Protein backbone atom coordinates (compact mmCIF):
# COMPACT_ATOMS: atom_id res chain seq x y z
CA MET A 1 2.01 -99.78 15.69
CA LYS A 2 3.47 -96.84 17.53
CA PHE A 3 6.66 -97.10 19.86
CA ILE A 4 7.29 -95.39 22.73
CA ARG A 5 10.96 -94.32 23.09
CA TYR A 6 12.87 -93.27 26.51
CA SER A 7 15.90 -91.37 26.84
CA LYS A 8 17.93 -89.33 29.13
CA PHE A 9 16.18 -85.97 29.83
CA ASN A 10 18.55 -83.14 29.02
CA GLY A 11 16.17 -80.41 29.80
CA PHE A 12 14.67 -79.89 26.24
CA ASP A 13 10.88 -80.91 25.78
CA VAL A 14 10.11 -82.14 22.31
CA ASN A 15 6.48 -82.28 22.69
CA GLY A 16 6.64 -78.76 24.31
CA VAL A 17 7.98 -76.86 21.17
CA SER A 18 5.29 -75.02 19.54
CA LEU A 19 5.05 -76.52 15.71
CA GLY A 20 3.66 -73.05 14.53
CA ASP A 21 6.40 -70.98 15.90
CA LEU A 22 9.00 -73.47 14.72
CA MET A 23 7.51 -73.72 10.96
CA GLU A 24 7.47 -69.75 11.21
CA ALA A 25 11.34 -69.85 12.25
CA LEU A 26 11.91 -72.21 8.96
CA GLN A 27 10.31 -70.01 6.76
CA ASP A 28 13.43 -68.87 5.29
CA SER A 29 14.73 -72.20 4.67
CA LEU A 30 11.48 -74.05 3.54
CA LEU A 31 10.59 -70.93 1.01
CA GLN A 32 13.84 -70.50 -0.48
CA SER A 33 13.43 -67.88 -3.29
CA GLY A 34 16.67 -67.70 -4.73
CA PHE A 35 17.17 -64.33 -3.33
CA ASP A 36 20.65 -65.18 -1.90
CA ASP A 37 21.68 -66.79 -5.36
CA ASP A 38 24.39 -65.29 -7.42
CA TYR A 39 22.22 -65.17 -10.20
CA TYR A 40 23.73 -62.03 -11.99
CA TRP A 41 26.91 -63.51 -12.41
CA THR A 42 26.16 -67.33 -12.75
CA ARG A 43 22.87 -66.98 -14.39
CA GLN A 44 21.87 -70.21 -12.67
CA ARG A 45 19.68 -70.83 -9.70
CA ARG A 46 20.88 -73.27 -7.07
CA PRO A 47 18.92 -76.13 -6.29
CA GLN A 48 17.17 -76.24 -3.03
CA ASP A 49 18.80 -78.81 -0.60
CA THR A 50 15.86 -80.86 0.29
CA SER A 51 17.81 -83.64 2.09
CA LEU A 52 17.20 -84.75 5.87
CA ASP A 53 20.50 -83.30 6.86
CA ALA A 54 19.58 -79.79 5.62
CA LEU A 55 16.28 -80.14 7.38
CA ARG A 56 18.00 -81.07 10.47
CA GLN A 57 20.54 -78.17 10.22
CA ALA A 58 17.89 -75.80 9.69
CA LEU A 59 15.71 -77.08 12.76
CA LEU A 60 18.77 -76.82 14.71
CA GLN A 61 19.36 -73.05 13.52
CA ALA A 62 15.80 -72.34 14.29
CA LEU A 63 15.61 -73.78 17.81
CA MET A 64 18.91 -71.68 18.47
CA GLU A 65 17.62 -68.67 17.39
CA THR A 66 14.31 -69.07 19.29
CA GLY A 67 15.91 -69.76 22.40
CA GLU A 68 14.66 -73.33 22.76
CA LEU A 69 18.17 -74.89 22.57
CA SER A 70 21.24 -73.30 23.90
CA ARG A 71 24.64 -73.96 22.69
CA GLN A 72 25.60 -75.49 25.99
CA GLN A 73 23.05 -78.04 25.56
CA ILE A 74 24.11 -79.07 21.98
CA GLU A 75 27.71 -79.26 23.44
CA GLN A 76 26.46 -81.65 26.11
CA MET A 77 24.53 -83.70 23.74
CA MET A 78 27.49 -84.12 21.70
CA ALA A 79 30.20 -84.85 24.30
CA GLU A 80 28.02 -87.54 25.30
CA ASN A 81 28.56 -89.29 21.98
CA ASN A 82 32.17 -88.68 21.88
CA GLY A 83 31.73 -85.56 19.67
CA GLN A 84 29.65 -87.26 16.87
CA PHE A 85 26.26 -86.56 15.58
CA ARG A 86 25.33 -89.43 14.24
CA GLY A 87 23.72 -91.57 17.05
CA SER A 88 23.89 -88.88 19.43
CA GLN A 89 20.67 -87.82 21.47
CA LEU A 90 20.91 -84.45 19.47
CA GLU A 91 20.08 -86.51 16.40
CA GLU A 92 17.19 -88.01 18.05
CA LEU A 93 15.70 -85.03 19.36
CA LEU A 94 15.78 -83.50 15.97
CA ASN A 95 14.36 -86.69 14.16
CA GLN A 96 11.55 -86.56 16.84
CA LEU A 97 10.93 -82.93 15.53
CA ILE A 98 10.58 -84.08 12.02
CA GLU A 99 8.28 -86.78 13.09
CA ARG A 100 6.00 -84.27 14.59
CA LEU A 101 5.99 -82.07 11.63
CA VAL A 102 5.07 -85.08 9.48
CA GLU A 103 2.45 -86.10 11.84
CA GLU A 104 0.74 -82.89 11.88
CA GLY A 105 0.98 -82.69 8.00
CA TYR A 106 3.69 -79.74 7.58
CA LEU A 107 5.91 -82.03 5.93
CA ASN A 108 5.91 -85.14 3.66
CA LEU A 109 9.01 -87.43 3.58
CA ARG A 110 9.67 -89.50 0.29
CA GLU A 111 12.65 -91.90 -0.55
CA GLU A 112 14.38 -91.66 -3.78
CA PRO A 113 16.27 -94.48 -5.27
CA GLN A 114 19.96 -93.95 -5.84
CA ARG A 115 20.58 -94.94 -9.21
CA GLN A 116 24.29 -94.78 -9.93
CA GLN A 117 24.72 -96.91 -6.44
CA GLN A 118 22.19 -99.29 -7.65
CA GLN A 119 23.94 -99.80 -11.03
CA GLN A 120 27.28 -99.99 -9.19
CA ARG A 121 25.97 -102.69 -6.68
CA GLY A 122 24.28 -104.68 -9.47
CA ARG A 123 27.50 -104.86 -11.36
CA GLN A 124 29.53 -105.86 -8.19
CA GLY A 125 26.95 -108.48 -6.75
CA GLY A 126 26.73 -111.76 -7.98
CA PRO A 127 24.66 -114.97 -6.99
CA GLY A 128 24.84 -116.16 -3.53
CA ARG A 129 26.65 -112.76 -2.53
CA VAL A 130 25.35 -110.84 0.45
CA GLU A 131 25.84 -107.23 0.12
CA GLU A 132 25.22 -104.25 2.49
CA PRO A 133 22.11 -102.36 2.33
CA LEU A 134 22.31 -99.32 0.16
CA PRO A 135 21.95 -95.93 2.23
CA ARG A 136 18.65 -94.28 2.22
CA ASN A 137 18.06 -91.14 -0.07
CA VAL A 138 15.18 -89.50 1.75
CA LYS A 139 14.16 -86.08 1.01
CA PHE A 140 11.23 -83.79 2.51
CA GLU A 141 8.79 -81.58 0.97
CA VAL A 142 6.38 -78.96 2.23
CA THR A 143 2.90 -79.93 2.11
CA GLU A 144 -0.20 -77.77 0.95
CA LYS A 145 -1.00 -77.56 4.62
CA GLY A 146 2.46 -76.30 5.41
CA LEU A 147 2.29 -73.86 2.60
CA ASP A 148 -0.95 -72.28 3.54
CA PHE A 149 0.54 -71.83 6.95
CA LEU A 150 3.54 -70.25 5.85
CA GLY A 151 1.65 -67.84 3.33
CA TYR A 152 -0.87 -66.85 6.18
CA LYS A 153 2.05 -66.00 8.22
CA THR A 154 4.13 -64.22 5.72
CA LEU A 155 0.79 -62.10 4.65
CA ARG A 156 -0.21 -61.32 8.33
CA ASN A 157 3.45 -59.85 8.97
CA LEU A 158 3.22 -58.10 5.95
CA LEU A 159 -0.15 -56.51 6.28
CA GLY A 160 -0.07 -56.15 9.99
CA SER A 161 2.90 -53.64 9.94
CA MET A 162 1.19 -51.34 7.18
CA GLY A 163 -0.86 -49.70 9.96
CA LYS A 164 -4.34 -48.19 9.26
CA SER A 165 -5.20 -47.07 6.08
CA SER A 166 -6.80 -43.45 5.04
CA VAL A 167 -10.09 -42.49 5.96
CA GLY A 168 -13.04 -43.83 4.12
CA ARG A 169 -16.39 -45.22 4.42
CA HIS A 170 -15.67 -48.90 5.37
CA ASP A 171 -16.44 -50.00 8.91
CA THR A 172 -13.55 -51.29 11.07
CA GLN A 173 -13.29 -52.45 14.72
CA HIS A 174 -10.73 -49.81 15.38
CA LEU A 175 -11.34 -46.50 17.02
CA SER A 176 -9.78 -43.08 16.03
CA THR A 177 -10.21 -39.27 17.09
CA GLY A 178 -12.62 -37.28 15.25
CA VAL A 179 -15.33 -34.31 15.74
CA GLU A 180 -18.03 -36.60 16.62
CA ALA A 181 -18.04 -38.27 20.14
CA ALA A 182 -19.35 -41.63 20.02
CA GLN A 183 -16.90 -43.74 22.09
CA VAL A 184 -15.08 -43.15 25.36
CA SER A 185 -12.21 -40.87 25.53
CA LYS A 186 -8.60 -41.34 25.51
CA LEU A 187 -5.47 -39.72 26.40
CA TYR A 188 -4.37 -37.11 24.12
CA GLU A 189 -1.42 -38.52 21.51
CA PHE A 190 0.33 -36.31 18.98
CA GLY A 191 -1.45 -36.53 15.99
CA ASP A 192 -4.84 -37.22 17.54
CA THR A 193 -7.78 -34.61 16.21
CA ILE A 194 -7.97 -32.11 19.24
CA ASN A 195 -11.73 -32.37 19.89
CA LEU A 196 -11.13 -32.18 24.00
CA ASP A 197 -13.38 -34.15 26.48
CA VAL A 198 -13.42 -31.23 28.83
CA ASN A 199 -14.93 -32.80 31.54
CA ALA A 200 -12.52 -35.80 31.69
CA THR A 201 -9.82 -33.41 31.14
CA LEU A 202 -10.89 -31.12 33.87
CA LEU A 203 -11.50 -34.09 36.29
CA SER A 204 -7.87 -35.52 35.74
CA ALA A 205 -6.18 -32.05 36.57
CA ILE A 206 -8.52 -31.82 39.85
CA LYS A 207 -7.17 -35.19 40.88
CA ARG A 208 -3.66 -34.51 40.48
CA GLU A 209 -3.73 -30.57 41.84
CA GLY A 210 -7.01 -30.59 43.93
CA LEU A 211 -9.85 -28.11 43.86
CA GLY A 212 -8.00 -24.73 43.67
CA VAL A 213 -7.70 -21.43 41.40
CA PRO A 214 -5.99 -21.39 39.35
CA LEU A 215 -6.31 -24.92 38.00
CA ASN A 216 -3.01 -25.87 35.94
CA LEU A 217 -3.53 -28.14 33.15
CA GLU A 218 -0.64 -30.50 32.02
CA TYR A 219 0.00 -32.51 28.94
CA SER A 220 -1.16 -35.73 30.64
CA ASP A 221 -4.64 -34.15 31.85
CA LEU A 222 -5.55 -33.78 28.23
CA TYR A 223 -8.52 -36.27 27.06
CA VAL A 224 -9.86 -36.50 23.54
CA HIS A 225 -13.25 -38.00 22.16
CA GLN A 226 -13.17 -41.00 20.14
CA GLN A 227 -15.49 -42.42 17.21
CA ASP A 228 -15.55 -45.29 15.08
CA TYR A 229 -12.78 -45.67 12.65
CA GLN A 230 -13.64 -45.99 8.94
CA SER A 231 -11.09 -46.47 6.34
CA SER A 232 -10.64 -46.59 2.58
CA CYS A 233 -10.92 -50.19 1.17
CA ALA A 234 -9.28 -51.54 -1.97
CA THR A 235 -8.95 -54.83 -3.53
CA VAL A 236 -5.55 -55.89 -4.50
CA VAL A 237 -4.54 -58.99 -6.49
CA MET A 238 -0.96 -60.40 -5.93
CA LEU A 239 0.57 -62.71 -8.58
CA ASP A 240 3.52 -65.17 -7.53
CA CYS A 241 5.90 -64.81 -10.52
CA SER A 242 8.63 -67.28 -8.91
């Protein structure tokens, strides 16, 4: 059964947050590769903190970096609970975001037993004695859907910044300047093949100067022909050795 929660509105809409943008902002925290570890001196890798407190801290930092939540809003929500995070509206908002990530299949939550506390409680307890409940040790993990999403975002950002490949025979959806005139002309930019569209260039100059002799041409009047861009194609095999 799903419960509906009502709370004081503080200007932050939990359901209005894009989970895709939030996962992308959490990428460094969720895909911790150990790059920041001092492995050269210690020869040991720092284990990743998968507790809910670490997830809440990463969510809070991501919301502040993306501008979804301001420091003033955080201080206001903390002040309403006497400066305590536990039981505050801020904790409730972060828990609601975690619930959304779990419902959408990006994260999983699992509860791990605390052996030391169980053993200690077993020695202290006795027949007819009521003990306090043990604190829950809940961990999170990224699901396959979350890993696929983050991997896609990483490759898109990596390959998208590389620009066009060298000229080849592989058809693409892009246009480029060249000798053949197969598409509409465009304004000349530095590096373009100087294959002037004379008609478009003269028309631009006439619109600016009017009919007169001599006709002055400026840099902004130059138009060049475009053609379908064909690039080289290569097959790349990438191995994850982490």
